[in-house]
Amino acid sequence: MLTSLPEKLTKYSESPKFDQDTLPLALQKEHKTKPNVWAKAVISEGAINYILQNKPEDILTLSAGEFVIIEPEEAHHVEVIGPVKFHLEFYKKST
């Protein structure tokens, strides 16, 4: 799992801030980013579990102030652990 974004990426989009009530169901089920798109899930309050579909036993719990880098086309889902606030940032290679 990456701890930083690769070089030469540009942020091109950001989600609204989600909480335990507004988190879309699609993010709680298996999904993946598009080809050549990296995402960064940034936790501002509370905690989530980040789970890779190919390693469901390796649950990464992320708390306020932490983030996870999601690689292109990496199948995953998130689970809310009580009250939470987080957003997603989307990056692609600079041209």
PDB file of N, CA and C in Angstrom:
ATOM      1  N   MET A   1       0.845  -1.179   0.000  1.00  0.00           N
ATOM      2  CA  MET A   1       0.000   0.000   0.000  1.00  0.00           C
ATOM      3  C   MET A   1       0.890   1.243   0.000  1.00  0.00           C
ATOM      4  N   LEU A   2       0.556   2.187  -0.858  1.00  0.00           N
ATOM      5  CA  LEU A   2       1.358   3.403  -0.975  1.00  0.00           C
ATOM      6  C   LEU A   2       1.126   4.342   0.207  1.00  0.00           C
ATOM      7  N   THR A   3       2.187   5.032   0.608  1.00  0.00           N
ATOM      8  CA  THR A   3       2.073   6.021   1.680  1.00  0.00           C
ATOM      9  C   THR A   3       2.188   7.445   1.149  1.00  0.00           C
ATOM     10  N   SER A   4       2.477   7.570  -0.158  1.00  0.00           N
ATOM     11  CA  SER A   4       2.491   8.890  -0.795  1.00  0.00           C
ATOM     12  C   SER A   4       2.116   8.722  -2.264  1.00  0.00           C
ATOM     13  N   LEU A   5       1.674   9.810  -2.849  1.00  0.00           N
ATOM     14  CA  LEU A   5       1.301   9.785  -4.257  1.00  0.00           C
ATOM     15  C   LEU A   5       2.550   9.750  -5.125  1.00  0.00           C
ATOM     16  N   PRO A   6       2.476   9.079  -6.265  1.00  0.00           N
ATOM     17  CA  PRO A   6       3.601   9.121  -7.192  1.00  0.00           C
ATOM     18  C   PRO A   6       3.857  10.559  -7.665  1.00  0.00           C
ATOM     19  N   GLU A   7       5.056  10.819  -8.137  1.00  0.00           N
ATOM     20  CA  GLU A   7       5.396  12.144  -8.636  1.00  0.00           C
ATOM     21  C   GLU A   7       4.631  12.449  -9.919  1.00  0.00           C
ATOM     22  N   LYS A   8       4.534  13.719 -10.220  1.00  0.00           N
ATOM     23  CA  LYS A   8       3.933  14.215 -11.463  1.00  0.00           C
ATOM     24  C   LYS A   8       2.446  13.900 -11.585  1.00  0.00           C
ATOM     25  N   LEU A   9       1.739  13.920 -10.461  1.00  0.00           N
ATOM     26  CA  LEU A   9       0.288  13.805 -10.484  1.00  0.00           C
ATOM     27  C   LEU A   9      -0.314  15.165 -10.178  1.00  0.00           C
ATOM     28  N   THR A  10      -1.468  15.421 -10.752  1.00  0.00           N
ATOM     29  CA  THR A  10      -2.174  16.675 -10.528  1.00  0.00           C
ATOM     30  C   THR A  10      -3.555  16.374  -9.972  1.00  0.00           C
ATOM     31  N   LYS A  11      -3.930  17.095  -8.930  1.00  0.00           N
ATOM     32  CA  LYS A  11      -5.274  16.944  -8.375  1.00  0.00           C
ATOM     33  C   LYS A  11      -6.251  17.590  -9.351  1.00  0.00           C
ATOM     34  N   TYR A  12      -7.286  16.831  -9.726  1.00  0.00           N
ATOM     35  CA  TYR A  12      -8.250  17.370 -10.679  1.00  0.00           C
ATOM     36  C   TYR A  12      -9.676  17.416 -10.143  1.00  0.00           C
ATOM     37  N   SER A  13      -9.906  16.781  -8.998  1.00  0.00           N
ATOM     38  CA  SER A  13     -11.260  16.775  -8.454  1.00  0.00           C
ATOM     39  C   SER A  13     -11.218  16.421  -6.964  1.00  0.00           C
ATOM     40  N   GLU A  14     -12.284  16.786  -6.273  1.00  0.00           N
ATOM     41  CA  GLU A  14     -12.415  16.454  -4.856  1.00  0.00           C
ATOM     42  C   GLU A  14     -13.888  16.216  -4.567  1.00  0.00           C
ATOM     43  N   SER A  15     -14.164  15.213  -3.761  1.00  0.00           N
ATOM     44  CA  SER A  15     -15.551  14.906  -3.395  1.00  0.00           C
ATOM     45  C   SER A  15     -16.017  15.885  -2.322  1.00  0.00           C
ATOM     46  N   PRO A  16     -17.327  15.941  -2.098  1.00  0.00           N
ATOM     47  CA  PRO A  16     -17.799  16.655  -0.910  1.00  0.00           C
ATOM     48  C   PRO A  16     -17.335  15.885   0.332  1.00  0.00           C
ATOM     49  N   LYS A  17     -17.443  16.504   1.479  1.00  0.00           N
ATOM     50  CA  LYS A  17     -17.105  15.813   2.721  1.00  0.00           C
ATOM     51  C   LYS A  17     -18.260  14.863   3.062  1.00  0.00           C
ATOM     52  N   PHE A  18     -17.927  13.586   3.256  1.00  0.00           N
ATOM     53  CA  PHE A  18     -18.924  12.586   3.619  1.00  0.00           C
ATOM     54  C   PHE A  18     -18.928  12.394   5.131  1.00  0.00           C
ATOM     55  N   ASP A  19     -20.083  11.995   5.663  1.00  0.00           N
ATOM     56  CA  ASP A  19     -20.146  11.550   7.054  1.00  0.00           C
ATOM     57  C   ASP A  19     -20.854  10.196   7.075  1.00  0.00           C
ATOM     58  N   GLN A  20     -21.089   9.682   8.269  1.00  0.00           N
ATOM     59  CA  GLN A  20     -21.682   8.349   8.395  1.00  0.00           C
ATOM     60  C   GLN A  20     -23.074   8.271   7.770  1.00  0.00           C
ATOM     61  N   ASP A  21     -23.757   9.405   7.615  1.00  0.00           N
ATOM     62  CA  ASP A  21     -25.101   9.407   7.043  1.00  0.00           C
ATOM     63  C   ASP A  21     -25.116   9.692   5.540  1.00  0.00           C
ATOM     64  N   THR A  22     -24.085  10.374   5.046  1.00  0.00           N
ATOM     65  CA  THR A  22     -24.084  10.773   3.634  1.00  0.00           C
ATOM     66  C   THR A  22     -23.141   9.942   2.767  1.00  0.00           C
ATOM     67  N   LEU A  23     -22.413   9.019   3.365  1.00  0.00           N
ATOM     68  CA  LEU A  23     -21.498   8.180   2.595  1.00  0.00           C
ATOM     69  C   LEU A  23     -22.294   7.347   1.587  1.00  0.00           C
ATOM     70  N   PRO A  24     -22.015   7.521   0.289  1.00  0.00           N
ATOM     71  CA  PRO A  24     -22.763   6.752  -0.710  1.00  0.00           C
ATOM     72  C   PRO A  24     -22.579   5.245  -0.527  1.00  0.00           C
ATOM     73  N   LEU A  25     -23.649   4.522  -0.756  1.00  0.00           N
ATOM     74  CA  LEU A  25     -23.616   3.064  -0.656  1.00  0.00           C
ATOM     75  C   LEU A  25     -22.585   2.485  -1.617  1.00  0.00           C
ATOM     76  N   ALA A  26     -22.401   3.117  -2.758  1.00  0.00           N
ATOM     77  CA  ALA A  26     -21.435   2.622  -3.753  1.00  0.00           C
ATOM     78  C   ALA A  26     -20.019   2.542  -3.186  1.00  0.00           C
ATOM     79  N   LEU A  27     -19.661   3.431  -2.245  1.00  0.00           N
ATOM     80  CA  LEU A  27     -18.327   3.396  -1.642  1.00  0.00           C
ATOM     81  C   LEU A  27     -18.212   2.320  -0.570  1.00  0.00           C
ATOM     82  N   GLN A  28     -19.353   1.832  -0.097  1.00  0.00           N
ATOM     83  CA  GLN A  28     -19.360   0.793   0.918  1.00  0.00           C
ATOM     84  C   GLN A  28     -19.374  -0.606   0.298  1.00  0.00           C
ATOM     85  N   LYS A  29     -19.498  -0.665  -1.021  1.00  0.00           N
ATOM     86  CA  LYS A  29     -19.438  -1.917  -1.771  1.00  0.00           C
ATOM     87  C   LYS A  29     -18.153  -1.911  -2.590  1.00  0.00           C
ATOM     88  N   GLU A  30     -17.823  -3.059  -3.154  1.00  0.00           N
ATOM     89  CA  GLU A  30     -16.629  -3.136  -3.991  1.00  0.00           C
ATOM     90  C   GLU A  30     -16.719  -2.137  -5.145  1.00  0.00           C
ATOM     91  N   HIS A  31     -15.653  -1.360  -5.321  1.00  0.00           N
ATOM     92  CA  HIS A  31     -15.552  -0.415  -6.435  1.00  0.00           C
ATOM     93  C   HIS A  31     -14.084  -0.141  -6.690  1.00  0.00           C
ATOM     94  N   LYS A  32     -13.772   0.569  -7.760  1.00  0.00           N
ATOM     95  CA  LYS A  32     -12.392   0.915  -8.065  1.00  0.00           C
ATOM     96  C   LYS A  32     -12.331   2.237  -8.808  1.00  0.00           C
ATOM     97  N   THR A  33     -11.166   2.845  -8.773  1.00  0.00           N
ATOM     98  CA  THR A  33     -10.968   4.071  -9.533  1.00  0.00           C
ATOM     99  C   THR A  33     -10.779   3.715 -10.996  1.00  0.00           C
ATOM    100  N   LYS A  34     -10.884   4.729 -11.842  1.00  0.00           N
ATOM    101  CA  LYS A  34     -10.700   4.543 -13.280  1.00  0.00           C
ATOM    102  C   LYS A  34      -9.225   4.290 -13.593  1.00  0.00           C
ATOM    103  N   PRO A  35      -8.930   3.798 -14.783  1.00  0.00           N
ATOM    104  CA  PRO A  35      -7.529   3.649 -15.187  1.00  0.00           C
ATOM    105  C   PRO A  35      -6.796   4.993 -15.096  1.00  0.00           C
ATOM    106  N   ASN A  36      -5.579   4.956 -14.629  1.00  0.00           N
ATOM    107  CA  ASN A  36      -4.710   6.136 -14.510  1.00  0.00           C
ATOM    108  C   ASN A  36      -5.206   7.194 -13.529  1.00  0.00           C
ATOM    109  N   VAL A  37      -6.104   6.816 -12.615  1.00  0.00           N
ATOM    110  CA  VAL A  37      -6.613   7.743 -11.602  1.00  0.00           C
ATOM    111  C   VAL A  37      -6.256   7.219 -10.220  1.00  0.00           C
ATOM    112  N   TRP A  38      -5.592   8.055  -9.433  1.00  0.00           N
ATOM    113  CA  TRP A  38      -5.285   7.762  -8.048  1.00  0.00           C
ATOM    114  C   TRP A  38      -6.272   8.538  -7.194  1.00  0.00           C
ATOM    115  N   ALA A  39      -6.580   8.003  -6.040  1.00  0.00           N
ATOM    116  CA  ALA A  39      -7.436   8.714  -5.096  1.00  0.00           C
ATOM    117  C   ALA A  39      -6.733   8.753  -3.747  1.00  0.00           C
ATOM    118  N   LYS A  40      -7.102   9.750  -2.960  1.00  0.00           N
ATOM    119  CA  LYS A  40      -6.577   9.892  -1.603  1.00  0.00           C
ATOM    120  C   LYS A  40      -7.778  10.119  -0.696  1.00  0.00           C
ATOM    121  N   ALA A  41      -8.030   9.176   0.205  1.00  0.00           N
ATOM    122  CA  ALA A  41      -9.103   9.311   1.191  1.00  0.00           C
ATOM    123  C   ALA A  41      -8.512   9.973   2.423  1.00  0.00           C
ATOM    124  N   VAL A  42      -9.043  11.154   2.768  1.00  0.00           N
ATOM    125  CA  VAL A  42      -8.505  11.965   3.854  1.00  0.00           C
ATOM    126  C   VAL A  42      -9.540  12.023   4.982  1.00  0.00           C
ATOM    127  N   ILE A  43      -9.163  11.521   6.149  1.00  0.00           N
ATOM    128  CA  ILE A  43     -10.080  11.458   7.288  1.00  0.00           C
ATOM    129  C   ILE A  43      -9.898  12.708   8.146  1.00  0.00           C
ATOM    130  N   SER A  44     -10.989  13.449   8.377  1.00  0.00           N
ATOM    131  CA  SER A  44     -10.888  14.649   9.212  1.00  0.00           C
ATOM    132  C   SER A  44     -11.466  14.439  10.612  1.00  0.00           C
ATOM    133  N   GLU A  45     -12.421  13.526  10.751  1.00  0.00           N
ATOM    134  CA  GLU A  45     -12.984  13.198  12.070  1.00  0.00           C
ATOM    135  C   GLU A  45     -13.384  11.727  12.082  1.00  0.00           C
ATOM    136  N   GLY A  46     -13.286  11.099  13.240  1.00  0.00           N
ATOM    137  CA  GLY A  46     -13.714   9.709  13.371  1.00  0.00           C
ATOM    138  C   GLY A  46     -12.772   8.742  12.695  1.00  0.00           C
ATOM    139  N   ALA A  47     -13.331   7.631  12.173  1.00  0.00           N
ATOM    140  CA  ALA A  47     -12.496   6.589  11.574  1.00  0.00           C
ATOM    141  C   ALA A  47     -13.289   5.777  10.561  1.00  0.00           C
ATOM    142  N   ILE A  48     -12.546   5.191   9.617  1.00  0.00           N
ATOM    143  CA  ILE A  48     -13.111   4.242   8.656  1.00  0.00           C
ATOM    144  C   ILE A  48     -12.171   3.049   8.561  1.00  0.00           C
ATOM    145  N   ASN A  49     -12.703   1.951   8.080  1.00  0.00           N
ATOM    146  CA  ASN A  49     -11.893   0.801   7.690  1.00  0.00           C
ATOM    147  C   ASN A  49     -11.780   0.831   6.174  1.00  0.00           C
ATOM    148  N   TYR A  50     -10.561   0.681   5.673  1.00  0.00           N
ATOM    149  CA  TYR A  50     -10.293   0.601   4.241  1.00  0.00           C
ATOM    150  C   TYR A  50      -9.909  -0.845   3.964  1.00  0.00           C
ATOM    151  N   ILE A  51     -10.613  -1.481   3.029  1.00  0.00           N
ATOM    152  CA  ILE A  51     -10.436  -2.912   2.796  1.00  0.00           C
ATOM    153  C   ILE A  51     -10.219  -3.184   1.311  1.00  0.00           C
ATOM    154  N   LEU A  52      -9.085  -3.805   0.993  1.00  0.00           N
ATOM    155  CA  LEU A  52      -8.808  -4.229  -0.380  1.00  0.00           C
ATOM    156  C   LEU A  52      -9.550  -5.534  -0.644  1.00  0.00           C
ATOM    157  N   GLN A  53     -10.185  -5.631  -1.787  1.00  0.00           N
ATOM    158  CA  GLN A  53     -10.977  -6.825  -2.094  1.00  0.00           C
ATOM    159  C   GLN A  53     -10.110  -8.073  -2.194  1.00  0.00           C
ATOM    160  N   ASN A  54      -8.860  -7.923  -2.666  1.00  0.00           N
ATOM    161  CA  ASN A  54      -8.001  -9.102  -2.807  1.00  0.00           C
ATOM    162  C   ASN A  54      -7.294  -9.476  -1.501  1.00  0.00           C
ATOM    163  N   LYS A  55      -7.451  -8.661  -0.461  1.00  0.00           N
ATOM    164  CA  LYS A  55      -6.872  -8.955   0.856  1.00  0.00           C
ATOM    165  C   LYS A  55      -7.857  -8.548   1.956  1.00  0.00           C
ATOM    166  N   PRO A  56      -9.051  -9.138   1.981  1.00  0.00           N
ATOM    167  CA  PRO A  56     -10.068  -8.689   2.942  1.00  0.00           C
ATOM    168  C   PRO A  56      -9.679  -8.879   4.404  1.00  0.00           C
ATOM    169  N   GLU A  57      -8.684  -9.725   4.657  1.00  0.00           N
ATOM    170  CA  GLU A  57      -8.252  -9.938   6.048  1.00  0.00           C
ATOM    171  C   GLU A  57      -7.344  -8.806   6.529  1.00  0.00           C
ATOM    172  N   ASP A  58      -6.795  -8.017   5.625  1.00  0.00           N
ATOM    173  CA  ASP A  58      -5.896  -6.909   5.976  1.00  0.00           C
ATOM    174  C   ASP A  58      -6.681  -5.605   6.027  1.00  0.00           C
ATOM    175  N   ILE A  59      -7.363  -5.372   7.117  1.00  0.00           N
ATOM    176  CA  ILE A  59      -8.173  -4.168   7.287  1.00  0.00           C
ATOM    177  C   ILE A  59      -7.283  -3.039   7.786  1.00  0.00           C
ATOM    178  N   LEU A  60      -7.319  -1.918   7.071  1.00  0.00           N
ATOM    179  CA  LEU A  60      -6.571  -0.734   7.476  1.00  0.00           C
ATOM    180  C   LEU A  60      -7.546   0.242   8.111  1.00  0.00           C
ATOM    181  N   THR A  61      -7.377   0.509   9.402  1.00  0.00           N
ATOM    182  CA  THR A  61      -8.226   1.466  10.102  1.00  0.00           C
ATOM    183  C   THR A  61      -7.556   2.828  10.046  1.00  0.00           C
ATOM    184  N   LEU A  62      -8.287   3.804   9.527  1.00  0.00           N
ATOM    185  CA  LEU A  62      -7.783   5.165   9.372  1.00  0.00           C
ATOM    186  C   LEU A  62      -8.553   6.092  10.288  1.00  0.00           C
ATOM    187  N   SER A  63      -7.830   6.912  11.045  1.00  0.00           N
ATOM    188  CA  SER A  63      -8.430   7.846  11.984  1.00  0.00           C
ATOM    189  C   SER A  63      -8.172   9.276  11.538  1.00  0.00           C
ATOM    190  N   ALA A  64      -8.795  10.218  12.241  1.00  0.00           N
ATOM    191  CA  ALA A  64      -8.644  11.641  11.934  1.00  0.00           C
ATOM    192  C   ALA A  64      -7.175  12.010  11.772  1.00  0.00           C
ATOM    193  N   GLY A  65      -6.882  12.752  10.698  1.00  0.00           N
ATOM    194  CA  GLY A  65      -5.517  13.164  10.417  1.00  0.00           C
ATOM    195  C   GLY A  65      -4.756  12.188   9.540  1.00  0.00           C
ATOM    196  N   GLU A  66      -5.342  11.042   9.240  1.00  0.00           N
ATOM    197  CA  GLU A  66      -4.675  10.034   8.413  1.00  0.00           C
ATOM    198  C   GLU A  66      -5.316   9.975   7.033  1.00  0.00           C
ATOM    199  N   PHE A  67      -4.628   9.309   6.116  1.00  0.00           N
ATOM    200  CA  PHE A  67      -5.137   9.143   4.758  1.00  0.00           C
ATOM    201  C   PHE A  67      -4.645   7.825   4.189  1.00  0.00           C
ATOM    202  N   VAL A  68      -5.254   7.426   3.076  1.00  0.00           N
ATOM    203  CA  VAL A  68      -4.800   6.259   2.335  1.00  0.00           C
ATOM    204  C   VAL A  68      -4.764   6.629   0.860  1.00  0.00           C
ATOM    205  N   ILE A  69      -3.756   6.133   0.152  1.00  0.00           N
ATOM    206  CA  ILE A  69      -3.640   6.314  -1.290  1.00  0.00           C
ATOM    207  C   ILE A  69      -4.275   5.103  -1.966  1.00  0.00           C
ATOM    208  N   ILE A  70      -5.176   5.369  -2.891  1.00  0.00           N
ATOM    209  CA  ILE A  70      -5.875   4.308  -3.611  1.00  0.00           C
ATOM    210  C   ILE A  70      -5.333   4.300  -5.038  1.00  0.00           C
ATOM    211  N   GLU A  71      -4.727   3.201  -5.414  1.00  0.00           N
ATOM    212  CA  GLU A  71      -4.110   3.093  -6.731  1.00  0.00           C
ATOM    213  C   GLU A  71      -5.160   2.860  -7.819  1.00  0.00           C
ATOM    214  N   PRO A  72      -4.814   3.190  -9.075  1.00  0.00           N
ATOM    215  CA  PRO A  72      -5.763   3.006 -10.171  1.00  0.00           C
ATOM    216  C   PRO A  72      -6.281   1.568 -10.256  1.00  0.00           C
ATOM    217  N   GLU A  73      -7.576   1.464 -10.427  1.00  0.00           N
ATOM    218  CA  GLU A  73      -8.261   0.187 -10.642  1.00  0.00           C
ATOM    219  C   GLU A  73      -8.076  -0.817  -9.508  1.00  0.00           C
ATOM    220  N   GLU A  74      -7.796  -0.331  -8.309  1.00  0.00           N
ATOM    221  CA  GLU A  74      -7.613  -1.197  -7.141  1.00  0.00           C
ATOM    222  C   GLU A  74      -8.973  -1.417  -6.469  1.00  0.00           C
ATOM    223  N   ALA A  75      -9.497  -2.640  -6.542  1.00  0.00           N
ATOM    224  CA  ALA A  75     -10.811  -2.947  -5.970  1.00  0.00           C
ATOM    225  C   ALA A  75     -10.753  -2.849  -4.450  1.00  0.00           C
ATOM    226  N   HIS A  76     -11.705  -2.100  -3.875  1.00  0.00           N
ATOM    227  CA  HIS A  76     -11.720  -1.859  -2.430  1.00  0.00           C
ATOM    228  C   HIS A  76     -13.118  -1.406  -2.001  1.00  0.00           C
ATOM    229  N   HIS A  77     -13.295  -1.280  -0.701  1.00  0.00           N
ATOM    230  CA  HIS A  77     -14.495  -0.651  -0.142  1.00  0.00           C
ATOM    231  C   HIS A  77     -14.145  -0.082   1.224  1.00  0.00           C
ATOM    232  N   VAL A  78     -15.040   0.735   1.752  1.00  0.00           N
ATOM    233  CA  VAL A  78     -14.817   1.319   3.079  1.00  0.00           C
ATOM    234  C   VAL A  78     -15.973   0.964   4.001  1.00  0.00           C
ATOM    235  N   GLU A  79     -15.662   0.908   5.287  1.00  0.00           N
ATOM    236  CA  GLU A  79     -16.664   0.694   6.333  1.00  0.00           C
ATOM    237  C   GLU A  79     -16.551   1.835   7.325  1.00  0.00           C
ATOM    238  N   VAL A  80     -17.677   2.392   7.705  1.00  0.00           N
ATOM    239  CA  VAL A  80     -17.715   3.471   8.697  1.00  0.00           C
ATOM    240  C   VAL A  80     -17.619   2.871  10.089  1.00  0.00           C
ATOM    241  N   ILE A  81     -16.853   3.542  10.946  1.00  0.00           N
ATOM    242  CA  ILE A  81     -16.753   3.128  12.355  1.00  0.00           C
ATOM    243  C   ILE A  81     -17.296   4.285  13.183  1.00  0.00           C
ATOM    244  N   GLY A  82     -18.599   4.335  13.393  1.00  0.00           N
ATOM    245  CA  GLY A  82     -19.203   5.423  14.156  1.00  0.00           C
ATOM    246  C   GLY A  82     -19.181   6.736  13.385  1.00  0.00           C
ATOM    247  N   PRO A  83     -19.332   7.851  14.102  1.00  0.00           N
ATOM    248  CA  PRO A  83     -19.327   9.161  13.453  1.00  0.00           C
ATOM    249  C   PRO A  83     -18.000   9.410  12.731  1.00  0.00           C
ATOM    250  N   VAL A  84     -18.095   9.946  11.507  1.00  0.00           N
ATOM    251  CA  VAL A  84     -16.898  10.150  10.695  1.00  0.00           C
ATOM    252  C   VAL A  84     -17.112  11.310   9.731  1.00  0.00           C
ATOM    253  N   LYS A  85     -16.025  11.946   9.339  1.00  0.00           N
ATOM    254  CA  LYS A  85     -16.030  12.930   8.246  1.00  0.00           C
ATOM    255  C   LYS A  85     -14.761  12.699   7.444  1.00  0.00           C
ATOM    256  N   PHE A  86     -14.934  12.546   6.121  1.00  0.00           N
ATOM    257  CA  PHE A  86     -13.775  12.389   5.248  1.00  0.00           C
ATOM    258  C   PHE A  86     -14.152  12.791   3.830  1.00  0.00           C
ATOM    259  N   HIS A  87     -13.148  12.997   3.018  1.00  0.00           N
ATOM    260  CA  HIS A  87     -13.373  13.313   1.608  1.00  0.00           C
ATOM    261  C   HIS A  87     -12.350  12.579   0.760  1.00  0.00           C
ATOM    262  N   LEU A  88     -12.598  12.584  -0.533  1.00  0.00           N
ATOM    263  CA  LEU A  88     -11.706  11.941  -1.492  1.00  0.00           C
ATOM    264  C   LEU A  88     -11.121  13.002  -2.421  1.00  0.00           C
ATOM    265  N   GLU A  89      -9.844  12.858  -2.703  1.00  0.00           N
ATOM    266  CA  GLU A  89      -9.178  13.708  -3.683  1.00  0.00           C
ATOM    267  C   GLU A  89      -8.774  12.803  -4.841  1.00  0.00           C
ATOM    268  N   PHE A  90      -8.904  13.311  -6.070  1.00  0.00           N
ATOM    269  CA  PHE A  90      -8.594  12.515  -7.258  1.00  0.00           C
ATOM    270  C   PHE A  90      -7.447  13.153  -8.038  1.00  0.00           C
ATOM    271  N   TYR A  91      -6.512  12.309  -8.452  1.00  0.00           N
ATOM    272  CA  TYR A  91      -5.296  12.755  -9.118  1.00  0.00           C
ATOM    273  C   TYR A  91      -5.068  11.963 -10.404  1.00  0.00           C
ATOM    274  N   LYS A  92      -4.460  12.621 -11.389  1.00  0.00           N
ATOM    275  CA  LYS A  92      -4.029  11.935 -12.610  1.00  0.00           C
ATOM    276  C   LYS A  92      -2.683  12.502 -13.029  1.00  0.00           C
ATOM    277  N   LYS A  93      -2.015  11.821 -13.942  1.00  0.00           N
ATOM    278  CA  LYS A  93      -0.693  12.256 -14.381  1.00  0.00           C
ATOM    279  C   LYS A  93      -0.766  13.603 -15.070  1.00  0.00           C
ATOM    280  N   SER A  94       0.189  14.448 -14.749  1.00  0.00           N
ATOM    281  CA  SER A  94       0.320  15.746 -15.405  1.00  0.00           C
ATOM    282  C   SER A  94       0.788  15.532 -16.831  1.00  0.00           C
ATOM    283  N   THR A  95       0.341  16.397 -17.715  1.00  0.00           N
ATOM    284  CA  THR A  95       0.806  16.272 -19.103  1.00  0.00           C
ATOM    285  C   THR A  95       1.735  17.400 -19.468  1.00  0.00           C
TER     286      THR A  95
END
